């Protein structure tokens, strides 16, 4: 099976019928923890697999940025799901979700320190040793920076990718959110990212609230993120692009229009 290509969408049970009706769909992403590695697949997802649609498991609980070693059982779960769906790769976040035995329930940002780089690299290598397919790493959207940062975002990310050989899952909406909340230029970050190492990209909606831009995954994709996507594709177009939506589902026509807007901004064929 080849890697993901074209425009895809995050598969969720709530929109399984809508996704099944997309004639040009070539790939979907599914939250790995929502599937049992022993199967069976949910009916809608099984039907997509039968049509030859690529399925990419997206992990949210490995805690690759934690100071503790990554949990072998969680890695085994991700590996099992990858084999279940015949995935060409899996993805996870550069973040931590647990510490001292406590689960945060959220993806939390790391201090951009050399010690944090070492912790992420060690955990990524532990995961890679047990995964049957390559791993792509996604930097998260963060509402704050730690006071002891030693590296900027581009250097921090590049150090991790260089040391692990992992590919990059570039979330265009996260780039926009982080730059806006820091009062920085997202194009300046793009200029320094290794875009040639992007396995695929995310785009999602967000909203301004309490003086910060929140990457909500429940709002429409704003025009500024679409503009940034055009800039990304002008520099080095990723092989695949995925719309993330996790709630407050709009009518089917609005969701189709959002997918068409992504295709228009990136130059990919429409899936609707």
C-alpha atoms as a PDB file:
ATOM      1  CA  UNK A   1       0.000   0.000   0.000  1.00  0.00           C
ATOM      2  CA  UNK A   2       1.254   3.474  -0.834  1.00  0.00           C
ATOM      3  CA  UNK A   3       1.182   6.420   1.535  1.00  0.00           C
ATOM      4  CA  UNK A   4      -1.736   8.853   1.712  1.00  0.00           C
ATOM      5  CA  UNK A   5      -2.351  11.131  -1.264  1.00  0.00           C
ATOM      6  CA  UNK A   6      -4.800  13.870  -2.126  1.00  0.00           C
ATOM      7  CA  UNK A   7      -7.410  15.392   0.172  1.00  0.00           C
ATOM      8  CA  UNK A   8      -8.804  13.308   3.029  1.00  0.00           C
ATOM      9  CA  UNK A   9     -10.865  13.731   6.166  1.00  0.00           C
ATOM     10  CA  UNK A  10     -10.690  12.544   9.742  1.00  0.00           C
ATOM     11  CA  UNK A  11     -13.017   9.548  10.036  1.00  0.00           C
ATOM     12  CA  UNK A  12     -15.471   9.763  12.921  1.00  0.00           C
ATOM     13  CA  UNK A  13     -18.546   7.568  13.512  1.00  0.00           C
ATOM     14  CA  UNK A  14     -20.770  10.666  13.516  1.00  0.00           C
ATOM     15  CA  UNK A  15     -19.944  11.419   9.869  1.00  0.00           C
ATOM     16  CA  UNK A  16     -19.381   7.883   8.589  1.00  0.00           C
ATOM     17  CA  UNK A  17     -22.303   8.157   6.151  1.00  0.00           C
ATOM     18  CA  UNK A  18     -21.070  11.477   4.788  1.00  0.00           C
ATOM     19  CA  UNK A  19     -17.528  10.158   4.335  1.00  0.00           C
ATOM     20  CA  UNK A  20     -18.798   7.020   2.583  1.00  0.00           C
ATOM     21  CA  UNK A  21     -20.467   9.221  -0.046  1.00  0.00           C
ATOM     22  CA  UNK A  22     -17.302  11.102  -1.053  1.00  0.00           C
ATOM     23  CA  UNK A  23     -16.522   9.671  -4.510  1.00  0.00           C
ATOM     24  CA  UNK A  24     -12.975  10.979  -4.831  1.00  0.00           C
ATOM     25  CA  UNK A  25     -11.809  10.137  -1.306  1.00  0.00           C
ATOM     26  CA  UNK A  26      -8.404   8.445  -1.217  1.00  0.00           C
ATOM     27  CA  UNK A  27      -7.508   8.468   2.476  1.00  0.00           C
ATOM     28  CA  UNK A  28      -8.856   8.992   5.972  1.00  0.00           C
ATOM     29  CA  UNK A  29      -7.271   9.318   9.381  1.00  0.00           C
ATOM     30  CA  UNK A  30      -8.707   7.585  12.432  1.00  0.00           C
ATOM     31  CA  UNK A  31      -7.940   8.120  16.111  1.00  0.00           C
ATOM     32  CA  UNK A  32      -5.942   5.006  16.953  1.00  0.00           C
ATOM     33  CA  UNK A  33      -7.273   4.721  20.490  1.00  0.00           C
ATOM     34  CA  UNK A  34     -10.846   4.522  19.166  1.00  0.00           C
ATOM     35  CA  UNK A  35     -10.155   1.122  17.564  1.00  0.00           C
ATOM     36  CA  UNK A  36      -9.451  -2.274  19.098  1.00  0.00           C
ATOM     37  CA  UNK A  37      -6.333  -3.762  17.516  1.00  0.00           C
ATOM     38  CA  UNK A  38      -8.025  -7.172  17.394  1.00  0.00           C
ATOM     39  CA  UNK A  39     -10.943  -5.750  15.396  1.00  0.00           C
ATOM     40  CA  UNK A  40     -13.472  -5.763  14.030  1.00  0.00           C
ATOM     41  CA  UNK A  41     -13.423  -2.439  12.237  1.00  0.00           C
ATOM     42  CA  UNK A  42     -16.532  -0.254  12.491  1.00  0.00           C
ATOM     43  CA  UNK A  43     -18.757  -0.945   9.466  1.00  0.00           C
ATOM     44  CA  UNK A  44     -18.175   2.399   7.773  1.00  0.00           C
ATOM     45  CA  UNK A  45     -14.420   2.158   8.113  1.00  0.00           C
ATOM     46  CA  UNK A  46     -14.398  -1.443   6.910  1.00  0.00           C
ATOM     47  CA  UNK A  47     -16.295  -0.397   3.796  1.00  0.00           C
ATOM     48  CA  UNK A  48     -13.731   2.301   3.037  1.00  0.00           C
ATOM     49  CA  UNK A  49     -10.917  -0.216   3.397  1.00  0.00           C
ATOM     50  CA  UNK A  50     -12.780  -2.463   0.976  1.00  0.00           C
ATOM     51  CA  UNK A  51     -12.805   0.387  -1.562  1.00  0.00           C
ATOM     52  CA  UNK A  52      -9.048   0.752  -1.269  1.00  0.00           C
ATOM     53  CA  UNK A  53      -9.146   3.974   0.786  1.00  0.00           C
ATOM     54  CA  UNK A  54      -5.930   4.387   2.796  1.00  0.00           C
ATOM     55  CA  UNK A  55      -6.444   4.537   6.573  1.00  0.00           C
ATOM     56  CA  UNK A  56      -3.852   6.279   8.766  1.00  0.00           C
ATOM     57  CA  UNK A  57      -4.020   5.691  12.553  1.00  0.00           C
ATOM     58  CA  UNK A  58      -3.431   8.881  14.524  1.00  0.00           C
ATOM     59  CA  UNK A  59      -2.366   8.364  18.151  1.00  0.00           C
ATOM     60  CA  UNK A  60      -3.189  10.745  20.994  1.00  0.00           C
ATOM     61  CA  UNK A  61      -2.000   8.882  24.120  1.00  0.00           C
ATOM     62  CA  UNK A  62       1.611   7.783  23.667  1.00  0.00           C
ATOM     63  CA  UNK A  63       2.969  10.825  25.542  1.00  0.00           C
ATOM     64  CA  UNK A  64       6.139  10.876  23.457  1.00  0.00           C
ATOM     65  CA  UNK A  65       7.274  14.036  25.224  1.00  0.00           C
ATOM     66  CA  UNK A  66       6.938  12.643  28.730  1.00  0.00           C
ATOM     67  CA  UNK A  67       9.914  12.242  31.033  1.00  0.00           C
ATOM     68  CA  UNK A  68       8.840   8.645  31.661  1.00  0.00           C
ATOM     69  CA  UNK A  69       9.503   5.937  29.060  1.00  0.00           C
ATOM     70  CA  UNK A  70       6.652   5.458  26.647  1.00  0.00           C
ATOM     71  CA  UNK A  71       4.181   2.788  27.792  1.00  0.00           C
ATOM     72  CA  UNK A  72       4.863  -0.452  25.839  1.00  0.00           C
ATOM     73  CA  UNK A  73       1.171  -1.395  25.960  1.00  0.00           C
ATOM     74  CA  UNK A  74       0.198   1.842  24.247  1.00  0.00           C
ATOM     75  CA  UNK A  75       2.830   1.339  21.569  1.00  0.00           C
ATOM     76  CA  UNK A  76       1.583  -2.226  21.061  1.00  0.00           C
ATOM     77  CA  UNK A  77      -1.965  -0.900  20.660  1.00  0.00           C
ATOM     78  CA  UNK A  78      -0.868   1.568  17.993  1.00  0.00           C
ATOM     79  CA  UNK A  79       1.110  -1.156  16.227  1.00  0.00           C
ATOM     80  CA  UNK A  80      -1.868  -3.509  16.305  1.00  0.00           C
ATOM     81  CA  UNK A  81      -4.200  -0.890  14.845  1.00  0.00           C
ATOM     82  CA  UNK A  82      -1.691  -0.154  12.069  1.00  0.00           C
ATOM     83  CA  UNK A  83      -1.675  -3.834  11.124  1.00  0.00           C
ATOM     84  CA  UNK A  84      -5.460  -4.090  11.413  1.00  0.00           C
ATOM     85  CA  UNK A  85      -6.084  -1.332   8.853  1.00  0.00           C
ATOM     86  CA  UNK A  86      -3.049  -2.063   6.657  1.00  0.00           C
ATOM     87  CA  UNK A  87      -1.687   1.420   7.315  1.00  0.00           C
ATOM     88  CA  UNK A  88       1.336   2.760   5.404  1.00  0.00           C
ATOM     89  CA  UNK A  89       2.337   4.861   8.431  1.00  0.00           C
ATOM     90  CA  UNK A  90       1.093   6.071  11.804  1.00  0.00           C
ATOM     91  CA  UNK A  91       1.263   9.478  13.445  1.00  0.00           C
ATOM     92  CA  UNK A  92       1.521  10.888  16.967  1.00  0.00           C
ATOM     93  CA  UNK A  93       2.136  14.197  18.698  1.00  0.00           C
ATOM     94  CA  UNK A  94       5.214  15.894  20.086  1.00  0.00           C
ATOM     95  CA  UNK A  95       3.552  16.440  23.454  1.00  0.00           C
ATOM     96  CA  UNK A  96       2.961  14.806  26.801  1.00  0.00           C
ATOM     97  CA  UNK A  97      -0.331  13.601  28.247  1.00  0.00           C
ATOM     98  CA  UNK A  98       0.744  12.077  31.555  1.00  0.00           C
ATOM     99  CA  UNK A  99       3.250  12.657  34.346  1.00  0.00           C
ATOM    100  CA  UNK A 100       3.736  11.059  37.749  1.00  0.00           C
ATOM    101  CA  UNK A 101       1.035   8.519  37.003  1.00  0.00           C
ATOM    102  CA  UNK A 102      -1.585  11.181  36.277  1.00  0.00           C
ATOM    103  CA  UNK A 103      -3.414  11.449  32.943  1.00  0.00           C
ATOM    104  CA  UNK A 104      -4.050  15.000  31.734  1.00  0.00           C
ATOM    105  CA  UNK A 105      -6.577  14.102  29.073  1.00  0.00           C
ATOM    106  CA  UNK A 106      -5.046  16.779  26.837  1.00  0.00           C
ATOM    107  CA  UNK A 107      -2.009  17.212  24.621  1.00  0.00           C
ATOM    108  CA  UNK A 108       0.358  19.413  26.637  1.00  0.00           C
ATOM    109  CA  UNK A 109       3.264  21.433  25.201  1.00  0.00           C
ATOM    110  CA  UNK A 110       6.891  20.738  26.025  1.00  0.00           C
ATOM    111  CA  UNK A 111       9.575  23.189  27.067  1.00  0.00           C
ATOM    112  CA  UNK A 112      11.752  23.611  23.996  1.00  0.00           C
ATOM    113  CA  UNK A 113      14.891  22.553  25.830  1.00  0.00           C
ATOM    114  CA  UNK A 114      17.700  20.192  24.920  1.00  0.00           C
ATOM    115  CA  UNK A 115      16.575  17.898  27.745  1.00  0.00           C
ATOM    116  CA  UNK A 116      13.105  17.747  26.196  1.00  0.00           C
ATOM    117  CA  UNK A 117      14.621  16.933  22.794  1.00  0.00           C
ATOM    118  CA  UNK A 118      16.498  14.034  24.406  1.00  0.00           C
ATOM    119  CA  UNK A 119      13.324  12.749  26.102  1.00  0.00           C
ATOM    120  CA  UNK A 120      11.284  12.884  22.894  1.00  0.00           C
ATOM    121  CA  UNK A 121      14.032  11.231  20.857  1.00  0.00           C
ATOM    122  CA  UNK A 122      14.351   8.376  23.369  1.00  0.00           C
ATOM    123  CA  UNK A 123      10.615   7.727  23.370  1.00  0.00           C
ATOM    124  CA  UNK A 124      10.276   7.995  19.611  1.00  0.00           C
ATOM    125  CA  UNK A 125      13.048   5.453  19.170  1.00  0.00           C
ATOM    126  CA  UNK A 126      11.351   3.116  21.655  1.00  0.00           C
ATOM    127  CA  UNK A 127       8.119   3.404  19.685  1.00  0.00           C
ATOM    128  CA  UNK A 128       9.797   3.012  16.300  1.00  0.00           C
ATOM    129  CA  UNK A 129      11.414  -0.226  17.433  1.00  0.00           C
ATOM    130  CA  UNK A 130       7.973  -1.795  17.967  1.00  0.00           C
ATOM    131  CA  UNK A 131       5.945  -0.219  15.175  1.00  0.00           C
ATOM    132  CA  UNK A 132       5.528  -2.119  11.894  1.00  0.00           C
ATOM    133  CA  UNK A 133       5.363   1.090   9.814  1.00  0.00           C
ATOM    134  CA  UNK A 134       7.034   4.532   9.810  1.00  0.00           C
ATOM    135  CA  UNK A 135       6.051   7.200  12.336  1.00  0.00           C
ATOM    136  CA  UNK A 136       5.152  10.815  11.541  1.00  0.00           C
ATOM    137  CA  UNK A 137       5.364  13.427  14.309  1.00  0.00           C
ATOM    138  CA  UNK A 138       2.967  16.345  14.745  1.00  0.00           C
ATOM    139  CA  UNK A 139       3.866  19.539  16.647  1.00  0.00           C
ATOM    140  CA  UNK A 140       0.839  20.725  18.600  1.00  0.00           C
ATOM    141  CA  UNK A 141      -0.890  24.085  19.006  1.00  0.00           C
ATOM    142  CA  UNK A 142       0.045  25.635  22.348  1.00  0.00           C
ATOM    143  CA  UNK A 143      -1.450  28.555  24.232  1.00  0.00           C
ATOM    144  CA  UNK A 144       1.791  29.277  26.116  1.00  0.00           C
ATOM    145  CA  UNK A 145       5.562  28.796  25.990  1.00  0.00           C
ATOM    146  CA  UNK A 146       7.559  27.516  28.944  1.00  0.00           C
ATOM    147  CA  UNK A 147       9.922  30.067  30.532  1.00  0.00           C
ATOM    148  CA  UNK A 148      13.021  27.860  30.155  1.00  0.00           C
ATOM    149  CA  UNK A 149      12.888  27.427  26.368  1.00  0.00           C
ATOM    150  CA  UNK A 150      16.361  27.088  24.869  1.00  0.00           C
ATOM    151  CA  UNK A 151      15.384  26.516  21.231  1.00  0.00           C
ATOM    152  CA  UNK A 152      12.893  28.096  18.888  1.00  0.00           C
ATOM    153  CA  UNK A 153      10.190  25.900  17.379  1.00  0.00           C
ATOM    154  CA  UNK A 154      11.965  25.209  14.093  1.00  0.00           C
ATOM    155  CA  UNK A 155      15.252  24.198  15.745  1.00  0.00           C
ATOM    156  CA  UNK A 156      13.442  22.088  18.346  1.00  0.00           C
ATOM    157  CA  UNK A 157      11.455  20.203  15.729  1.00  0.00           C
ATOM    158  CA  UNK A 158      14.359  19.755  13.327  1.00  0.00           C
ATOM    159  CA  UNK A 159      16.567  18.351  16.095  1.00  0.00           C
ATOM    160  CA  UNK A 160      13.943  15.691  16.871  1.00  0.00           C
ATOM    161  CA  UNK A 161      13.389  14.754  13.225  1.00  0.00           C
ATOM    162  CA  UNK A 162      17.125  14.583  12.507  1.00  0.00           C
ATOM    163  CA  UNK A 163      17.810  12.345  15.502  1.00  0.00           C
ATOM    164  CA  UNK A 164      14.923   9.928  14.839  1.00  0.00           C
ATOM    165  CA  UNK A 165      14.508   9.900  11.082  1.00  0.00           C
ATOM    166  CA  UNK A 166      10.766  10.360  11.608  1.00  0.00           C
ATOM    167  CA  UNK A 167       8.716  12.280   9.076  1.00  0.00           C
ATOM    168  CA  UNK A 168       6.681  15.396   9.831  1.00  0.00           C
ATOM    169  CA  UNK A 169       2.920  15.683  10.130  1.00  0.00           C
ATOM    170  CA  UNK A 170       2.531  19.390   9.464  1.00  0.00           C
ATOM    171  CA  UNK A 171      -0.600  20.907  10.974  1.00  0.00           C
ATOM    172  CA  UNK A 172      -1.065  24.161   9.073  1.00  0.00           C
ATOM    173  CA  UNK A 173      -3.699  25.335  11.538  1.00  0.00           C
ATOM    174  CA  UNK A 174      -1.275  24.762  14.428  1.00  0.00           C
ATOM    175  CA  UNK A 175       1.392  26.843  12.682  1.00  0.00           C
ATOM    176  CA  UNK A 176      -1.131  29.655  12.310  1.00  0.00           C
ATOM    177  CA  UNK A 177      -2.397  29.351  15.894  1.00  0.00           C
ATOM    178  CA  UNK A 178       1.081  29.355  17.451  1.00  0.00           C
ATOM    179  CA  UNK A 179       2.270  32.293  15.386  1.00  0.00           C
ATOM    180  CA  UNK A 180      -0.851  34.336  16.089  1.00  0.00           C
ATOM    181  CA  UNK A 181      -0.729  33.678  19.827  1.00  0.00           C
ATOM    182  CA  UNK A 182       2.978  34.539  19.971  1.00  0.00           C
ATOM    183  CA  UNK A 183       2.603  37.626  17.792  1.00  0.00           C
ATOM    184  CA  UNK A 184       4.976  36.015  15.275  1.00  0.00           C
ATOM    185  CA  UNK A 185       4.995  35.563  11.501  1.00  0.00           C
ATOM    186  CA  UNK A 186       3.897  32.062  10.418  1.00  0.00           C
ATOM    187  CA  UNK A 187       5.738  32.465   7.119  1.00  0.00           C
ATOM    188  CA  UNK A 188       9.010  32.919   8.982  1.00  0.00           C
ATOM    189  CA  UNK A 189       8.483  29.527  10.621  1.00  0.00           C
ATOM    190  CA  UNK A 190       7.553  27.877   7.332  1.00  0.00           C
ATOM    191  CA  UNK A 191      10.768  29.150   5.785  1.00  0.00           C
ATOM    192  CA  UNK A 192      12.777  27.147   8.345  1.00  0.00           C
ATOM    193  CA  UNK A 193      10.771  23.924   8.520  1.00  0.00           C
ATOM    194  CA  UNK A 194      11.907  20.813   6.599  1.00  0.00           C
ATOM    195  CA  UNK A 195       8.849  20.742   4.352  1.00  0.00           C
ATOM    196  CA  UNK A 196      10.452  18.069   2.182  1.00  0.00           C
ATOM    197  CA  UNK A 197      10.000  15.671   5.109  1.00  0.00           C
ATOM    198  CA  UNK A 198       6.230  16.173   5.441  1.00  0.00           C
ATOM    199  CA  UNK A 199       4.337  12.871   5.207  1.00  0.00           C
ATOM    200  CA  UNK A 200       0.972  14.622   5.135  1.00  0.00           C
ATOM    201  CA  UNK A 201      -0.646  17.777   6.491  1.00  0.00           C
ATOM    202  CA  UNK A 202      -3.596  18.709   8.696  1.00  0.00           C
ATOM    203  CA  UNK A 203      -5.955  21.647   8.363  1.00  0.00           C
ATOM    204  CA  UNK A 204      -8.577  22.476  10.975  1.00  0.00           C
ATOM    205  CA  UNK A 205     -10.803  25.287  12.127  1.00  0.00           C
ATOM    206  CA  UNK A 206     -10.434  27.504  15.144  1.00  0.00           C
ATOM    207  CA  UNK A 207     -11.781  30.603  16.833  1.00  0.00           C
ATOM    208  CA  UNK A 208     -10.671  33.673  18.752  1.00  0.00           C
ATOM    209  CA  UNK A 209     -11.613  33.550  22.433  1.00  0.00           C
ATOM    210  CA  UNK A 210     -10.370  35.460  25.480  1.00  0.00           C
ATOM    211  CA  UNK A 211      -7.568  37.087  23.526  1.00  0.00           C
ATOM    212  CA  UNK A 212      -6.181  33.821  22.156  1.00  0.00           C
ATOM    213  CA  UNK A 213      -6.737  31.838  18.997  1.00  0.00           C
ATOM    214  CA  UNK A 214      -7.933  28.328  19.872  1.00  0.00           C
ATOM    215  CA  UNK A 215      -7.422  25.344  17.576  1.00  0.00           C
ATOM    216  CA  UNK A 216     -10.906  23.984  18.242  1.00  0.00           C
ATOM    217  CA  UNK A 217     -11.510  21.450  15.438  1.00  0.00           C
ATOM    218  CA  UNK A 218     -15.175  22.433  15.801  1.00  0.00           C
ATOM    219  CA  UNK A 219     -15.212  25.690  13.807  1.00  0.00           C
ATOM    220  CA  UNK A 220     -14.848  26.377  10.079  1.00  0.00           C
ATOM    221  CA  UNK A 221     -11.352  26.719   8.629  1.00  0.00           C
ATOM    222  CA  UNK A 222     -10.661  30.475   8.549  1.00  0.00           C
ATOM    223  CA  UNK A 223      -9.458  32.242   5.427  1.00  0.00           C
ATOM    224  CA  UNK A 224      -6.093  32.973   7.074  1.00  0.00           C
ATOM    225  CA  UNK A 225      -5.377  29.256   7.436  1.00  0.00           C
ATOM    226  CA  UNK A 226      -6.334  28.657   3.800  1.00  0.00           C
ATOM    227  CA  UNK A 227      -3.954  31.463   2.801  1.00  0.00           C
ATOM    228  CA  UNK A 228      -1.203  29.817   4.832  1.00  0.00           C
ATOM    229  CA  UNK A 229      -1.974  26.479   3.173  1.00  0.00           C
ATOM    230  CA  UNK A 230      -1.421  28.117  -0.215  1.00  0.00           C
ATOM    231  CA  UNK A 231       1.950  29.334   1.023  1.00  0.00           C
ATOM    232  CA  UNK A 232       2.876  25.838   2.219  1.00  0.00           C
ATOM    233  CA  UNK A 233       1.949  24.306  -1.123  1.00  0.00           C
ATOM    234  CA  UNK A 234       3.863  26.997  -2.962  1.00  0.00           C
ATOM    235  CA  UNK A 235       7.020  26.042  -1.079  1.00  0.00           C
ATOM    236  CA  UNK A 236       6.661  22.258  -1.069  1.00  0.00           C
ATOM    237  CA  UNK A 237       3.216  20.720  -1.467  1.00  0.00           C
ATOM    238  CA  UNK A 238       2.646  17.801   0.918  1.00  0.00           C
ATOM    239  CA  UNK A 239       1.617  14.489  -0.662  1.00  0.00           C
ATOM    240  CA  UNK A 240      -1.676  14.497   1.248  1.00  0.00           C
ATOM    241  CA  UNK A 241      -3.899  16.936   3.128  1.00  0.00           C
ATOM    242  CA  UNK A 242      -6.488  16.112   5.769  1.00  0.00           C
ATOM    243  CA  UNK A 243      -9.419  18.076   7.184  1.00  0.00           C
ATOM    244  CA  UNK A 244      -9.806  17.567  10.937  1.00  0.00           C
ATOM    245  CA  UNK A 245     -13.252  18.069  12.428  1.00  0.00           C
ATOM    246  CA  UNK A 246     -14.176  16.707  15.846  1.00  0.00           C
ATOM    247  CA  UNK A 247     -17.603  18.074  16.644  1.00  0.00           C
ATOM    248  CA  UNK A 248     -20.328  20.647  15.970  1.00  0.00           C
ATOM    249  CA  UNK A 249     -20.758  19.045  12.579  1.00  0.00           C
ATOM    250  CA  UNK A 250     -22.125  21.443   9.935  1.00  0.00           C
ATOM    251  CA  UNK A 251     -24.633  20.381   7.269  1.00  0.00           C
ATOM    252  CA  UNK A 252     -23.209  18.095   4.600  1.00  0.00           C
ATOM    253  CA  UNK A 253     -23.156  20.897   2.027  1.00  0.00           C
ATOM    254  CA  UNK A 254     -20.976  23.072   4.296  1.00  0.00           C
ATOM    255  CA  UNK A 255     -18.589  20.218   5.003  1.00  0.00           C
ATOM    256  CA  UNK A 256     -18.303  19.479   1.274  1.00  0.00           C
ATOM    257  CA  UNK A 257     -17.584  23.153   0.621  1.00  0.00           C
ATOM    258  CA  UNK A 258     -14.806  23.077   3.210  1.00  0.00           C
ATOM    259  CA  UNK A 259     -13.202  20.054   1.557  1.00  0.00           C
ATOM    260  CA  UNK A 260     -13.496  21.764  -1.834  1.00  0.00           C
ATOM    261  CA  UNK A 261     -11.828  24.884  -0.398  1.00  0.00           C
ATOM    262  CA  UNK A 262      -8.896  22.771   0.793  1.00  0.00           C
ATOM    263  CA  UNK A 263      -8.585  21.203  -2.642  1.00  0.00           C
ATOM    264  CA  UNK A 264      -8.678  24.600  -4.327  1.00  0.00           C
ATOM    265  CA  UNK A 265      -6.055  26.058  -1.993  1.00  0.00           C
ATOM    266  CA  UNK A 266      -3.697  23.098  -2.385  1.00  0.00           C
ATOM    267  CA  UNK A 267      -4.205  22.196  -6.025  1.00  0.00           C
ATOM    268  CA  UNK A 268      -5.428  18.674  -5.242  1.00  0.00           C
ATOM    269  CA  UNK A 269      -8.456  17.172  -7.015  1.00  0.00           C
ATOM    270  CA  UNK A 270     -11.761  17.564  -5.185  1.00  0.00           C
ATOM    271  CA  UNK A 271     -13.122  14.550  -3.335  1.00  0.00           C
ATOM    272  CA  UNK A 272     -16.788  15.565  -3.390  1.00  0.00           C
END
